[in-house]
Amino acid sequence: MIFGVGTDIIEVDRIRRIVDSSDAFIKKIYTKNEYNYCIEKGKGRYQSFAGRYAAKEAVFKALGTGYRDGFKFSEIEIVNDDLGKPCVKTSGRVKEFIAKHGIKNIHISLTHVEANAVAFAVAEK
């Protein structure tokens, strides 16, 4: 059963400007694994940063909470499986919320082009 769905779109250039100027933003939003993954993408790093940001926003929307109640962006981590499929790992208050509401899985899809990144999330009970 579907608990909720969420989607988000972000301009890659907006994320580029923030990532290039704010270590505080990077530490607030991304896990160390996510940061390393994005940096390894070379020229495509900004699309990867933007995609992961959009994914986290989409997850918050799928949970029906938005970004509040003490949740942290870094409590949602976007990782890739062996085939490259993006997957959601949670920790902290986000993980507690998911357990409390019986959410078994969060499906995530990301896409990006030069100018924009889009993510779609489905929380499943």
PDB file of N, CA and C in Angstrom:
ATOM      1  N   MET A   1       0.841  -1.170   0.000  1.00  0.00           N
ATOM      2  CA  MET A   1       0.000   0.000   0.000  1.00  0.00           C
ATOM      3  C   MET A   1       0.897   1.248   0.000  1.00  0.00           C
ATOM      4  N   ILE A   2       0.480   2.240  -0.728  1.00  0.00           N
ATOM      5  CA  ILE A   2       1.242   3.485  -0.816  1.00  0.00           C
ATOM      6  C   ILE A   2       0.899   4.378   0.369  1.00  0.00           C
ATOM      7  N   PHE A   3       1.924   4.824   1.064  1.00  0.00           N
ATOM      8  CA  PHE A   3       1.785   5.765   2.176  1.00  0.00           C
ATOM      9  C   PHE A   3       1.769   7.197   1.640  1.00  0.00           C
ATOM     10  N   GLY A   4       2.646   7.475   0.669  1.00  0.00           N
ATOM     11  CA  GLY A   4       2.709   8.818   0.112  1.00  0.00           C
ATOM     12  C   GLY A   4       3.660   8.891  -1.064  1.00  0.00           C
ATOM     13  N   VAL A   5       3.512   9.942  -1.855  1.00  0.00           N
ATOM     14  CA  VAL A   5       4.395  10.202  -2.986  1.00  0.00           C
ATOM     15  C   VAL A   5       4.931  11.625  -2.875  1.00  0.00           C
ATOM     16  N   GLY A   6       6.093  11.832  -3.455  1.00  0.00           N
ATOM     17  CA  GLY A   6       6.674  13.165  -3.445  1.00  0.00           C
ATOM     18  C   GLY A   6       7.541  13.374  -4.664  1.00  0.00           C
ATOM     19  N   THR A   7       7.640  14.600  -5.089  1.00  0.00           N
ATOM     20  CA  THR A   7       8.497  14.937  -6.226  1.00  0.00           C
ATOM     21  C   THR A   7       9.157  16.286  -5.959  1.00  0.00           C
ATOM     22  N   ASP A   8      10.290  16.513  -6.594  1.00  0.00           N
ATOM     23  CA  ASP A   8      10.961  17.792  -6.452  1.00  0.00           C
ATOM     24  C   ASP A   8      11.793  18.049  -7.702  1.00  0.00           C
ATOM     25  N   ILE A   9      11.945  19.310  -8.016  1.00  0.00           N
ATOM     26  CA  ILE A   9      12.811  19.745  -9.111  1.00  0.00           C
ATOM     27  C   ILE A   9      13.681  20.881  -8.592  1.00  0.00           C
ATOM     28  N   ILE A  10      14.932  20.896  -9.014  1.00  0.00           N
ATOM     29  CA  ILE A  10      15.864  21.931  -8.573  1.00  0.00           C
ATOM     30  C   ILE A  10      16.757  22.337  -9.741  1.00  0.00           C
ATOM     31  N   GLU A  11      17.123  23.609  -9.782  1.00  0.00           N
ATOM     32  CA  GLU A  11      18.040  24.091 -10.799  1.00  0.00           C
ATOM     33  C   GLU A  11      19.464  23.697 -10.409  1.00  0.00           C
ATOM     34  N   VAL A  12      20.176  23.055 -11.309  1.00  0.00           N
ATOM     35  CA  VAL A  12      21.540  22.617 -11.042  1.00  0.00           C
ATOM     36  C   VAL A  12      22.430  23.814 -10.724  1.00  0.00           C
ATOM     37  N   ASP A  13      22.264  24.918 -11.430  1.00  0.00           N
ATOM     38  CA  ASP A  13      23.110  26.087 -11.207  1.00  0.00           C
ATOM     39  C   ASP A  13      22.931  26.654  -9.799  1.00  0.00           C
ATOM     40  N   ARG A  14      21.722  26.597  -9.266  1.00  0.00           N
ATOM     41  CA  ARG A  14      21.473  27.055  -7.892  1.00  0.00           C
ATOM     42  C   ARG A  14      22.286  26.216  -6.901  1.00  0.00           C
ATOM     43  N   ILE A  15      22.260  24.900  -7.084  1.00  0.00           N
ATOM     44  CA  ILE A  15      23.028  24.019  -6.208  1.00  0.00           C
ATOM     45  C   ILE A  15      24.531  24.248  -6.402  1.00  0.00           C
ATOM     46  N   ARG A  16      24.959  24.433  -7.648  1.00  0.00           N
ATOM     47  CA  ARG A  16      26.382  24.698  -7.917  1.00  0.00           C
ATOM     48  C   ARG A  16      26.866  25.908  -7.136  1.00  0.00           C
ATOM     49  N   ARG A  17      26.116  27.003  -7.198  1.00  0.00           N
ATOM     50  CA  ARG A  17      26.519  28.226  -6.501  1.00  0.00           C
ATOM     51  C   ARG A  17      26.632  27.996  -4.995  1.00  0.00           C
ATOM     52  N   ILE A  18      25.674  27.277  -4.426  1.00  0.00           N
ATOM     53  CA  ILE A  18      25.682  27.044  -2.973  1.00  0.00           C
ATOM     54  C   ILE A  18      26.813  26.088  -2.584  1.00  0.00           C
ATOM     55  N   VAL A  19      26.967  24.996  -3.338  1.00  0.00           N
ATOM     56  CA  VAL A  19      28.017  24.013  -3.033  1.00  0.00           C
ATOM     57  C   VAL A  19      29.389  24.673  -3.113  1.00  0.00           C
ATOM     58  N   ASP A  20      29.597  25.523  -4.104  1.00  0.00           N
ATOM     59  CA  ASP A  20      30.899  26.170  -4.280  1.00  0.00           C
ATOM     60  C   ASP A  20      31.193  27.231  -3.226  1.00  0.00           C
ATOM     61  N   SER A  21      30.167  27.690  -2.515  1.00  0.00           N
ATOM     62  CA  SER A  21      30.389  28.792  -1.577  1.00  0.00           C
ATOM     63  C   SER A  21      30.106  28.448  -0.121  1.00  0.00           C
ATOM     64  N   SER A  22      29.590  27.253   0.164  1.00  0.00           N
ATOM     65  CA  SER A  22      29.163  26.998   1.540  1.00  0.00           C
ATOM     66  C   SER A  22      29.462  25.571   2.005  1.00  0.00           C
ATOM     67  N   ASP A  23      30.515  25.445   2.785  1.00  0.00           N
ATOM     68  CA  ASP A  23      30.783  24.151   3.418  1.00  0.00           C
ATOM     69  C   ASP A  23      29.677  23.797   4.402  1.00  0.00           C
ATOM     70  N   ALA A  24      29.087  24.804   5.033  1.00  0.00           N
ATOM     71  CA  ALA A  24      28.000  24.552   5.991  1.00  0.00           C
ATOM     72  C   ALA A  24      26.810  23.891   5.295  1.00  0.00           C
ATOM     73  N   PHE A  25      26.489  24.336   4.085  1.00  0.00           N
ATOM     74  CA  PHE A  25      25.399  23.723   3.319  1.00  0.00           C
ATOM     75  C   PHE A  25      25.718  22.271   3.027  1.00  0.00           C
ATOM     76  N   ILE A  26      26.921  21.999   2.577  1.00  0.00           N
ATOM     77  CA  ILE A  26      27.319  20.631   2.249  1.00  0.00           C
ATOM     78  C   ILE A  26      27.171  19.736   3.475  1.00  0.00           C
ATOM     79  N   LYS A  27      27.668  20.177   4.620  1.00  0.00           N
ATOM     80  CA  LYS A  27      27.604  19.377   5.842  1.00  0.00           C
ATOM     81  C   LYS A  27      26.168  19.194   6.332  1.00  0.00           C
ATOM     82  N   LYS A  28      25.315  20.181   6.105  1.00  0.00           N
ATOM     83  CA  LYS A  28      23.915  20.105   6.542  1.00  0.00           C
ATOM     84  C   LYS A  28      23.106  19.147   5.664  1.00  0.00           C
ATOM     85  N   ILE A  29      23.401  19.103   4.382  1.00  0.00           N
ATOM     86  CA  ILE A  29      22.562  18.378   3.432  1.00  0.00           C
ATOM     87  C   ILE A  29      23.078  16.971   3.137  1.00  0.00           C
ATOM     88  N   TYR A  30      24.357  16.821   2.920  1.00  0.00           N
ATOM     89  CA  TYR A  30      24.899  15.571   2.384  1.00  0.00           C
ATOM     90  C   TYR A  30      25.692  14.783   3.425  1.00  0.00           C
ATOM     91  N   THR A  31      25.606  13.454   3.306  1.00  0.00           N
ATOM     92  CA  THR A  31      26.475  12.603   4.114  1.00  0.00           C
ATOM     93  C   THR A  31      27.859  12.589   3.460  1.00  0.00           C
ATOM     94  N   LYS A  32      28.823  12.095   4.186  1.00  0.00           N
ATOM     95  CA  LYS A  32      30.177  12.008   3.642  1.00  0.00           C
ATOM     96  C   LYS A  32      30.201  11.112   2.407  1.00  0.00           C
ATOM     97  N   ASN A  33      29.462   9.999   2.436  1.00  0.00           N
ATOM     98  CA  ASN A  33      29.386   9.099   1.276  1.00  0.00           C
ATOM     99  C   ASN A  33      28.793   9.804   0.063  1.00  0.00           C
ATOM    100  N   GLU A  34      27.731  10.579   0.279  1.00  0.00           N
ATOM    101  CA  GLU A  34      27.108  11.299  -0.832  1.00  0.00           C
ATOM    102  C   GLU A  34      28.079  12.335  -1.406  1.00  0.00           C
ATOM    103  N   TYR A  35      28.747  13.060  -0.531  1.00  0.00           N
ATOM    104  CA  TYR A  35      29.705  14.064  -0.979  1.00  0.00           C
ATOM    105  C   TYR A  35      30.778  13.414  -1.851  1.00  0.00           C
ATOM    106  N   ASN A  36      31.358  12.326  -1.367  1.00  0.00           N
ATOM    107  CA  ASN A  36      32.400  11.636  -2.132  1.00  0.00           C
ATOM    108  C   ASN A  36      31.875  11.130  -3.468  1.00  0.00           C
ATOM    109  N   TYR A  37      30.666  10.574  -3.472  1.00  0.00           N
ATOM    110  CA  TYR A  37      30.059  10.090  -4.716  1.00  0.00           C
ATOM    111  C   TYR A  37      29.946  11.233  -5.729  1.00  0.00           C
ATOM    112  N   CYS A  38      29.434  12.362  -5.282  1.00  0.00           N
ATOM    113  CA  CYS A  38      29.229  13.494  -6.194  1.00  0.00           C
ATOM    114  C   CYS A  38      30.554  14.040  -6.711  1.00  0.00           C
ATOM    115  N   ILE A  39      31.526  14.200  -5.836  1.00  0.00           N
ATOM    116  CA  ILE A  39      32.828  14.736  -6.243  1.00  0.00           C
ATOM    117  C   ILE A  39      33.473  13.840  -7.300  1.00  0.00           C
ATOM    118  N   GLU A  40      33.320  12.522  -7.144  1.00  0.00           N
ATOM    119  CA  GLU A  40      33.900  11.580  -8.108  1.00  0.00           C
ATOM    120  C   GLU A  40      33.286  11.696  -9.499  1.00  0.00           C
ATOM    121  N   LYS A  41      32.164  12.380  -9.627  1.00  0.00           N
ATOM    122  CA  LYS A  41      31.493  12.529 -10.924  1.00  0.00           C
ATOM    123  C   LYS A  41      32.142  13.582 -11.803  1.00  0.00           C
ATOM    124  N   GLY A  42      33.153  14.283 -11.300  1.00  0.00           N
ATOM    125  CA  GLY A  42      33.857  15.273 -12.114  1.00  0.00           C
ATOM    126  C   GLY A  42      32.937  16.373 -12.595  1.00  0.00           C
ATOM    127  N   LYS A  43      32.861  16.542 -13.915  1.00  0.00           N
ATOM    128  CA  LYS A  43      32.017  17.598 -14.488  1.00  0.00           C
ATOM    129  C   LYS A  43      30.542  17.422 -14.137  1.00  0.00           C
ATOM    130  N   GLY A  44      30.110  16.197 -13.908  1.00  0.00           N
ATOM    131  CA  GLY A  44      28.711  15.928 -13.578  1.00  0.00           C
ATOM    132  C   GLY A  44      28.384  16.029 -12.098  1.00  0.00           C
ATOM    133  N   ARG A  45      29.346  16.515 -11.312  1.00  0.00           N
ATOM    134  CA  ARG A  45      29.129  16.542  -9.861  1.00  0.00           C
ATOM    135  C   ARG A  45      27.956  17.416  -9.447  1.00  0.00           C
ATOM    136  N   TYR A  46      27.750  18.518 -10.134  1.00  0.00           N
ATOM    137  CA  TYR A  46      26.666  19.416  -9.724  1.00  0.00           C
ATOM    138  C   TYR A  46      25.297  18.797 -10.005  1.00  0.00           C
ATOM    139  N   GLN A  47      25.182  18.062 -11.107  1.00  0.00           N
ATOM    140  CA  GLN A  47      23.935  17.341 -11.367  1.00  0.00           C
ATOM    141  C   GLN A  47      23.692  16.292 -10.275  1.00  0.00           C
ATOM    142  N   SER A  48      24.762  15.627  -9.839  1.00  0.00           N
ATOM    143  CA  SER A  48      24.628  14.622  -8.772  1.00  0.00           C
ATOM    144  C   SER A  48      24.249  15.263  -7.446  1.00  0.00           C
ATOM    145  N   PHE A  49      24.882  16.377  -7.105  1.00  0.00           N
ATOM    146  CA  PHE A  49      24.499  17.094  -5.887  1.00  0.00           C
ATOM    147  C   PHE A  49      23.029  17.518  -5.966  1.00  0.00           C
ATOM    148  N   ALA A  50      22.638  18.064  -7.111  1.00  0.00           N
ATOM    149  CA  ALA A  50      21.257  18.530  -7.278  1.00  0.00           C
ATOM    150  C   ALA A  50      20.271  17.369  -7.213  1.00  0.00           C
ATOM    151  N   GLY A  51      20.605  16.264  -7.859  1.00  0.00           N
ATOM    152  CA  GLY A  51      19.719  15.103  -7.835  1.00  0.00           C
ATOM    153  C   GLY A  51      19.504  14.575  -6.431  1.00  0.00           C
ATOM    154  N   ARG A  52      20.563  14.527  -5.650  1.00  0.00           N
ATOM    155  CA  ARG A  52      20.443  14.047  -4.278  1.00  0.00           C
ATOM    156  C   ARG A  52      19.662  15.031  -3.415  1.00  0.00           C
ATOM    157  N   TYR A  53      19.845  16.306  -3.648  1.00  0.00           N
ATOM    158  CA  TYR A  53      19.046  17.299  -2.921  1.00  0.00           C
ATOM    159  C   TYR A  53      17.570  17.128  -3.256  1.00  0.00           C
ATOM    160  N   ALA A  54      17.254  17.029  -4.532  1.00  0.00           N
ATOM    161  CA  ALA A  54      15.857  16.852  -4.948  1.00  0.00           C
ATOM    162  C   ALA A  54      15.277  15.559  -4.373  1.00  0.00           C
ATOM    163  N   ALA A  55      16.091  14.500  -4.318  1.00  0.00           N
ATOM    164  CA  ALA A  55      15.624  13.221  -3.778  1.00  0.00           C
ATOM    165  C   ALA A  55      15.231  13.361  -2.312  1.00  0.00           C
ATOM    166  N   LYS A  56      16.035  14.067  -1.542  1.00  0.00           N
ATOM    167  CA  LYS A  56      15.740  14.242  -0.127  1.00  0.00           C
ATOM    168  C   LYS A  56      14.444  15.036   0.053  1.00  0.00           C
ATOM    169  N   GLU A  57      14.268  16.076  -0.748  1.00  0.00           N
ATOM    170  CA  GLU A  57      13.018  16.850  -0.705  1.00  0.00           C
ATOM    171  C   GLU A  57      11.824  15.964  -1.076  1.00  0.00           C
ATOM    172  N   ALA A  58      11.986  15.143  -2.102  1.00  0.00           N
ATOM    173  CA  ALA A  58      10.905  14.253  -2.528  1.00  0.00           C
ATOM    174  C   ALA A  58      10.552  13.247  -1.437  1.00  0.00           C
ATOM    175  N   VAL A  59      11.562  12.745  -0.730  1.00  0.00           N
ATOM    176  CA  VAL A  59      11.298  11.813   0.368  1.00  0.00           C
ATOM    177  C   VAL A  59      10.511  12.507   1.473  1.00  0.00           C
ATOM    178  N   PHE A  60      10.921  13.699   1.870  1.00  0.00           N
ATOM    179  CA  PHE A  60      10.167  14.435   2.886  1.00  0.00           C
ATOM    180  C   PHE A  60       8.708  14.608   2.466  1.00  0.00           C
ATOM    181  N   LYS A  61       8.487  14.908   1.215  1.00  0.00           N
ATOM    182  CA  LYS A  61       7.120  15.078   0.714  1.00  0.00           C
ATOM    183  C   LYS A  61       6.359  13.756   0.715  1.00  0.00           C
ATOM    184  N   ALA A  62       7.028  12.663   0.344  1.00  0.00           N
ATOM    185  CA  ALA A  62       6.382  11.354   0.354  1.00  0.00           C
ATOM    186  C   ALA A  62       5.988  10.943   1.774  1.00  0.00           C
ATOM    187  N   LEU A  63       6.758  11.384   2.751  1.00  0.00           N
ATOM    188  CA  LEU A  63       6.426  11.088   4.144  1.00  0.00           C
ATOM    189  C   LEU A  63       5.298  11.976   4.660  1.00  0.00           C
ATOM    190  N   GLY A  64       4.981  13.022   3.894  1.00  0.00           N
ATOM    191  CA  GLY A  64       3.896  13.923   4.280  1.00  0.00           C
ATOM    192  C   GLY A  64       4.298  14.922   5.344  1.00  0.00           C
ATOM    193  N   THR A  65       5.582  15.063   5.576  1.00  0.00           N
ATOM    194  CA  THR A  65       6.054  15.917   6.654  1.00  0.00           C
ATOM    195  C   THR A  65       6.693  17.205   6.177  1.00  0.00           C
ATOM    196  N   GLY A  66       7.304  17.165   5.004  1.00  0.00           N
ATOM    197  CA  GLY A  66       8.171  18.263   4.630  1.00  0.00           C
ATOM    198  C   GLY A  66       9.382  18.252   5.547  1.00  0.00           C
ATOM    199  N   TYR A  67      10.171  19.281   5.473  1.00  0.00           N
ATOM    200  CA  TYR A  67      11.387  19.391   6.286  1.00  0.00           C
ATOM    201  C   TYR A  67      11.046  20.136   7.568  1.00  0.00           C
ATOM    202  N   ARG A  68      10.737  19.356   8.635  1.00  0.00           N
ATOM    203  CA  ARG A  68      10.398  19.963   9.930  1.00  0.00           C
ATOM    204  C   ARG A  68      10.470  18.893  11.014  1.00  0.00           C
ATOM    205  N   ASP A  69      10.006  19.230  12.186  1.00  0.00           N
ATOM    206  CA  ASP A  69       9.935  18.300  13.315  1.00  0.00           C
ATOM    207  C   ASP A  69      11.289  17.722  13.693  1.00  0.00           C
ATOM    208  N   GLY A  70      12.351  18.487  13.519  1.00  0.00           N
ATOM    209  CA  GLY A  70      13.674  18.027  13.903  1.00  0.00           C
ATOM    210  C   GLY A  70      14.340  17.094  12.914  1.00  0.00           C
ATOM    211  N   PHE A  71      13.696  16.861  11.767  1.00  0.00           N
ATOM    212  CA  PHE A  71      14.325  16.029  10.738  1.00  0.00           C
ATOM    213  C   PHE A  71      15.540  16.757  10.172  1.00  0.00           C
ATOM    214  N   LYS A  72      16.500  15.974   9.708  1.00  0.00           N
ATOM    215  CA  LYS A  72      17.689  16.536   9.084  1.00  0.00           C
ATOM    216  C   LYS A  72      17.837  15.956   7.680  1.00  0.00           C
ATOM    217  N   PHE A  73      18.287  16.788   6.754  1.00  0.00           N
ATOM    218  CA  PHE A  73      18.547  16.297   5.400  1.00  0.00           C
ATOM    219  C   PHE A  73      19.544  15.153   5.416  1.00  0.00           C
ATOM    220  N   SER A  74      20.536  15.245   6.299  1.00  0.00           N
ATOM    221  CA  SER A  74      21.566  14.207   6.349  1.00  0.00           C
ATOM    222  C   SER A  74      21.061  12.884   6.911  1.00  0.00           C
ATOM    223  N   GLU A  75      19.820  12.853   7.430  1.00  0.00           N
ATOM    224  CA  GLU A  75      19.220  11.602   7.903  1.00  0.00           C
ATOM    225  C   GLU A  75      18.619  10.796   6.743  1.00  0.00           C
ATOM    226  N   ILE A  76      18.635  11.385   5.572  1.00  0.00           N
ATOM    227  CA  ILE A  76      18.233  10.691   4.347  1.00  0.00           C
ATOM    228  C   ILE A  76      19.486  10.612   3.486  1.00  0.00           C
ATOM    229  N   GLU A  77      19.889   9.404   3.169  1.00  0.00           N
ATOM    230  CA  GLU A  77      21.082   9.215   2.345  1.00  0.00           C
ATOM    231  C   GLU A  77      20.688   8.481   1.072  1.00  0.00           C
ATOM    232  N   ILE A  78      21.111   9.016  -0.050  1.00  0.00           N
ATOM    233  CA  ILE A  78      20.859   8.378  -1.338  1.00  0.00           C
ATOM    234  C   ILE A  78      22.125   7.613  -1.719  1.00  0.00           C
ATOM    235  N   VAL A  79      21.974   6.304  -1.837  1.00  0.00           N
ATOM    236  CA  VAL A  79      23.087   5.418  -2.203  1.00  0.00           C
ATOM    237  C   VAL A  79      22.699   4.700  -3.492  1.00  0.00           C
ATOM    238  N   ASN A  80      23.663   4.062  -4.110  1.00  0.00           N
ATOM    239  CA  ASN A  80      23.388   3.305  -5.332  1.00  0.00           C
ATOM    240  C   ASN A  80      23.695   1.842  -5.088  1.00  0.00           C
ATOM    241  N   ASP A  81      22.823   0.967  -5.620  1.00  0.00           N
ATOM    242  CA  ASP A  81      23.097  -0.461  -5.513  1.00  0.00           C
ATOM    243  C   ASP A  81      24.136  -0.857  -6.555  1.00  0.00           C
ATOM    244  N   ASP A  82      24.430  -2.140  -6.656  1.00  0.00           N
ATOM    245  CA  ASP A  82      25.470  -2.623  -7.568  1.00  0.00           C
ATOM    246  C   ASP A  82      25.198  -2.320  -9.031  1.00  0.00           C
ATOM    247  N   LEU A  83      23.928  -2.131  -9.380  1.00  0.00           N
ATOM    248  CA  LEU A  83      23.572  -1.813 -10.761  1.00  0.00           C
ATOM    249  C   LEU A  83      23.431  -0.312 -11.004  1.00  0.00           C
ATOM    250  N   GLY A  84      23.643   0.500  -9.948  1.00  0.00           N
ATOM    251  CA  GLY A  84      23.537   1.946 -10.081  1.00  0.00           C
ATOM    252  C   GLY A  84      22.191   2.516  -9.689  1.00  0.00           C
ATOM    253  N   LYS A  85      21.247   1.653  -9.332  1.00  0.00           N
ATOM    254  CA  LYS A  85      19.913   2.119  -8.936  1.00  0.00           C
ATOM    255  C   LYS A  85      20.006   2.909  -7.632  1.00  0.00           C
ATOM    256  N   PRO A  86      19.410   4.113  -7.595  1.00  0.00           N
ATOM    257  CA  PRO A  86      19.427   4.875  -6.345  1.00  0.00           C
ATOM    258  C   PRO A  86      18.489   4.243  -5.314  1.00  0.00           C
ATOM    259  N   CYS A  87      18.945   4.236  -4.076  1.00  0.00           N
ATOM    260  CA  CYS A  87      18.184   3.675  -2.961  1.00  0.00           C
ATOM    261  C   CYS A  87      18.252   4.657  -1.798  1.00  0.00           C
ATOM    262  N   VAL A  88      17.279   4.563  -0.900  1.00  0.00           N
ATOM    263  CA  VAL A  88      17.196   5.458   0.246  1.00  0.00           C
ATOM    264  C   VAL A  88      17.607   4.721   1.516  1.00  0.00           C
ATOM    265  N   LYS A  89      18.539   5.317   2.250  1.00  0.00           N
ATOM    266  CA  LYS A  89      18.893   4.853   3.592  1.00  0.00           C
ATOM    267  C   LYS A  89      18.529   5.979   4.554  1.00  0.00           C
ATOM    268  N   THR A  90      17.978   5.617   5.707  1.00  0.00           N
ATOM    269  CA  THR A  90      17.595   6.643   6.674  1.00  0.00           C
ATOM    270  C   THR A  90      18.266   6.397   8.017  1.00  0.00           C
ATOM    271  N   SER A  91      18.278   7.445   8.827  1.00  0.00           N
ATOM    272  CA  SER A  91      18.811   7.373  10.182  1.00  0.00           C
ATOM    273  C   SER A  91      18.067   8.390  11.039  1.00  0.00           C
ATOM    274  N   GLY A  92      18.350   8.390  12.330  1.00  0.00           N
ATOM    275  CA  GLY A  92      17.822   9.404  13.225  1.00  0.00           C
ATOM    276  C   GLY A  92      16.314   9.469  13.279  1.00  0.00           C
ATOM    277  N   ARG A  93      15.811  10.692  13.372  1.00  0.00           N
ATOM    278  CA  ARG A  93      14.362  10.915  13.511  1.00  0.00           C
ATOM    279  C   ARG A  93      13.584  10.475  12.281  1.00  0.00           C
ATOM    280  N   VAL A  94      14.192  10.595  11.113  1.00  0.00           N
ATOM    281  CA  VAL A  94      13.511  10.130   9.897  1.00  0.00           C
ATOM    282  C   VAL A  94      13.285   8.622   9.977  1.00  0.00           C
ATOM    283  N   LYS A  95      14.292   7.891  10.384  1.00  0.00           N
ATOM    284  CA  LYS A  95      14.176   6.433  10.519  1.00  0.00           C
ATOM    285  C   LYS A  95      13.120   6.065  11.560  1.00  0.00           C
ATOM    286  N   GLU A  96      13.084   6.789  12.669  1.00  0.00           N
ATOM    287  CA  GLU A  96      12.072   6.559  13.702  1.00  0.00           C
ATOM    288  C   GLU A  96      10.663   6.798  13.161  1.00  0.00           C
ATOM    289  N   PHE A  97      10.487   7.882  12.401  1.00  0.00           N
ATOM    290  CA  PHE A  97       9.185   8.200  11.807  1.00  0.00           C
ATOM    291  C   PHE A  97       8.737   7.082  10.879  1.00  0.00           C
ATOM    292  N   ILE A  98       9.651   6.601  10.057  1.00  0.00           N
ATOM    293  CA  ILE A  98       9.339   5.537   9.105  1.00  0.00           C
ATOM    294  C   ILE A  98       8.902   4.274   9.840  1.00  0.00           C
ATOM    295  N   ALA A  99       9.615   3.921  10.889  1.00  0.00           N
ATOM    296  CA  ALA A  99       9.258   2.730  11.667  1.00  0.00           C
ATOM    297  C   ALA A  99       7.898   2.915  12.340  1.00  0.00           C
ATOM    298  N   LYS A 100       7.672   4.079  12.924  1.00  0.00           N
ATOM    299  CA  LYS A 100       6.410   4.365  13.622  1.00  0.00           C
ATOM    300  C   LYS A 100       5.203   4.252  12.695  1.00  0.00           C
ATOM    301  N   HIS A 101       5.381   4.626  11.445  1.00  0.00           N
ATOM    302  CA  HIS A 101       4.270   4.623  10.493  1.00  0.00           C
ATOM    303  C   HIS A 101       4.233   3.364   9.618  1.00  0.00           C
ATOM    304  N   GLY A 102       5.062   2.393   9.914  1.00  0.00           N
ATOM    305  CA  GLY A 102       5.020   1.116   9.211  1.00  0.00           C
ATOM    306  C   GLY A 102       5.452   1.178   7.755  1.00  0.00           C
ATOM    307  N   ILE A 103       6.292   2.139   7.428  1.00  0.00           N
ATOM    308  CA  ILE A 103       6.774   2.268   6.045  1.00  0.00           C
ATOM    309  C   ILE A 103       7.873   1.234   5.839  1.00  0.00           C
ATOM    310  N   LYS A 104       7.685   0.384   4.843  1.00  0.00           N
ATOM    311  CA  LYS A 104       8.610  -0.721   4.587  1.00  0.00           C
ATOM    312  C   LYS A 104       9.691  -0.369   3.577  1.00  0.00           C
ATOM    313  N   ASN A 105       9.389   0.531   2.653  1.00  0.00           N
ATOM    314  CA  ASN A 105      10.341   0.847   1.596  1.00  0.00           C
ATOM    315  C   ASN A 105      10.055   2.242   1.054  1.00  0.00           C
ATOM    316  N   ILE A 106      11.104   2.889   0.610  1.00  0.00           N
ATOM    317  CA  ILE A 106      10.950   4.157  -0.115  1.00  0.00           C
ATOM    318  C   ILE A 106      11.626   3.971  -1.463  1.00  0.00           C
ATOM    319  N   HIS A 107      10.841   4.032  -2.508  1.00  0.00           N
ATOM    320  CA  HIS A 107      11.354   3.922  -3.869  1.00  0.00           C
ATOM    321  C   HIS A 107      11.714   5.322  -4.334  1.00  0.00           C
ATOM    322  N   ILE A 108      12.830   5.434  -5.038  1.00  0.00           N
ATOM    323  CA  ILE A 108      13.291   6.745  -5.493  1.00  0.00           C
ATOM    324  C   ILE A 108      13.738   6.666  -6.945  1.00  0.00           C
ATOM    325  N   SER A 109      13.433   7.693  -7.697  1.00  0.00           N
ATOM    326  CA  SER A 109      13.904   7.804  -9.070  1.00  0.00           C
ATOM    327  C   SER A 109      14.466   9.208  -9.253  1.00  0.00           C
ATOM    328  N   LEU A 110      15.637   9.282  -9.874  1.00  0.00           N
ATOM    329  CA  LEU A 110      16.305  10.563 -10.118  1.00  0.00           C
ATOM    330  C   LEU A 110      16.578  10.719 -11.602  1.00  0.00           C
ATOM    331  N   THR A 111      16.536  11.946 -12.060  1.00  0.00           N
ATOM    332  CA  THR A 111      16.964  12.241 -13.419  1.00  0.00           C
ATOM    333  C   THR A 111      17.493  13.665 -13.453  1.00  0.00           C
ATOM    334  N   HIS A 112      18.380  13.929 -14.383  1.00  0.00           N
ATOM    335  CA  HIS A 112      18.878  15.293 -14.510  1.00  0.00           C
ATOM    336  C   HIS A 112      19.347  15.539 -15.930  1.00  0.00           C
ATOM    337  N   VAL A 113      19.294  16.799 -16.271  1.00  0.00           N
ATOM    338  CA  VAL A 113      19.874  17.305 -17.506  1.00  0.00           C
ATOM    339  C   VAL A 113      20.813  18.430 -17.081  1.00  0.00           C
ATOM    340  N   GLU A 114      21.386  19.111 -18.014  1.00  0.00           N
ATOM    341  CA  GLU A 114      22.360  20.143 -17.662  1.00  0.00           C
ATOM    342  C   GLU A 114      21.785  21.177 -16.690  1.00  0.00           C
ATOM    343  N   ALA A 115      20.541  21.585 -16.876  1.00  0.00           N
ATOM    344  CA  ALA A 115      19.989  22.689 -16.096  1.00  0.00           C
ATOM    345  C   ALA A 115      19.169  22.287 -14.880  1.00  0.00           C
ATOM    346  N   ASN A 116      18.584  21.101 -14.865  1.00  0.00           N
ATOM    347  CA  ASN A 116      17.657  20.722 -13.802  1.00  0.00           C
ATOM    348  C   ASN A 116      17.867  19.286 -13.352  1.00  0.00           C
ATOM    349  N   ALA A 117      17.483  19.032 -12.102  1.00  0.00           N
ATOM    350  CA  ALA A 117      17.440  17.674 -11.569  1.00  0.00           C
ATOM    351  C   ALA A 117      16.051  17.457 -10.980  1.00  0.00           C
ATOM    352  N   VAL A 118      15.531  16.250 -11.174  1.00  0.00           N
ATOM    353  CA  VAL A 118      14.187  15.896 -10.711  1.00  0.00           C
ATOM    354  C   VAL A 118      14.270  14.586  -9.951  1.00  0.00           C
ATOM    355  N   ALA A 119      13.478  14.483  -8.887  1.00  0.00           N
ATOM    356  CA  ALA A 119      13.394  13.230  -8.138  1.00  0.00           C
ATOM    357  C   ALA A 119      11.940  12.938  -7.838  1.00  0.00           C
ATOM    358  N   PHE A 120      11.635  11.646  -7.756  1.00  0.00           N
ATOM    359  CA  PHE A 120      10.300  11.180  -7.441  1.00  0.00           C
ATOM    360  C   PHE A 120      10.439  10.079  -6.394  1.00  0.00           C
ATOM    361  N   ALA A 121       9.653  10.155  -5.323  1.00  0.00           N
ATOM    362  CA  ALA A 121       9.724   9.168  -4.243  1.00  0.00           C
ATOM    363  C   ALA A 121       8.342   8.601  -3.965  1.00  0.00           C
ATOM    364  N   VAL A 122       8.318   7.308  -3.650  1.00  0.00           N
ATOM    365  CA  VAL A 122       7.100   6.629  -3.231  1.00  0.00           C
ATOM    366  C   VAL A 122       7.406   5.909  -1.922  1.00  0.00           C
ATOM    367  N   ALA A 123       6.664   6.255  -0.866  1.00  0.00           N
ATOM    368  CA  ALA A 123       6.793   5.560   0.418  1.00  0.00           C
ATOM    369  C   ALA A 123       5.742   4.466   0.453  1.00  0.00           C
ATOM    370  N   GLU A 124       6.189   3.246   0.721  1.00  0.00           N
ATOM    371  CA  GLU A 124       5.324   2.066   0.665  1.00  0.00           C
ATOM    372  C   GLU A 124       5.198   1.431   2.038  1.00  0.00           C
ATOM    373  N   LYS A 125       3.957   1.099   2.390  1.00  0.00           N
ATOM    374  CA  LYS A 125       3.697   0.402   3.677  1.00  0.00           C
ATOM    375  C   LYS A 125       3.697  -1.084   3.461  1.00  0.00           C
TER     376      LYS A 125
END
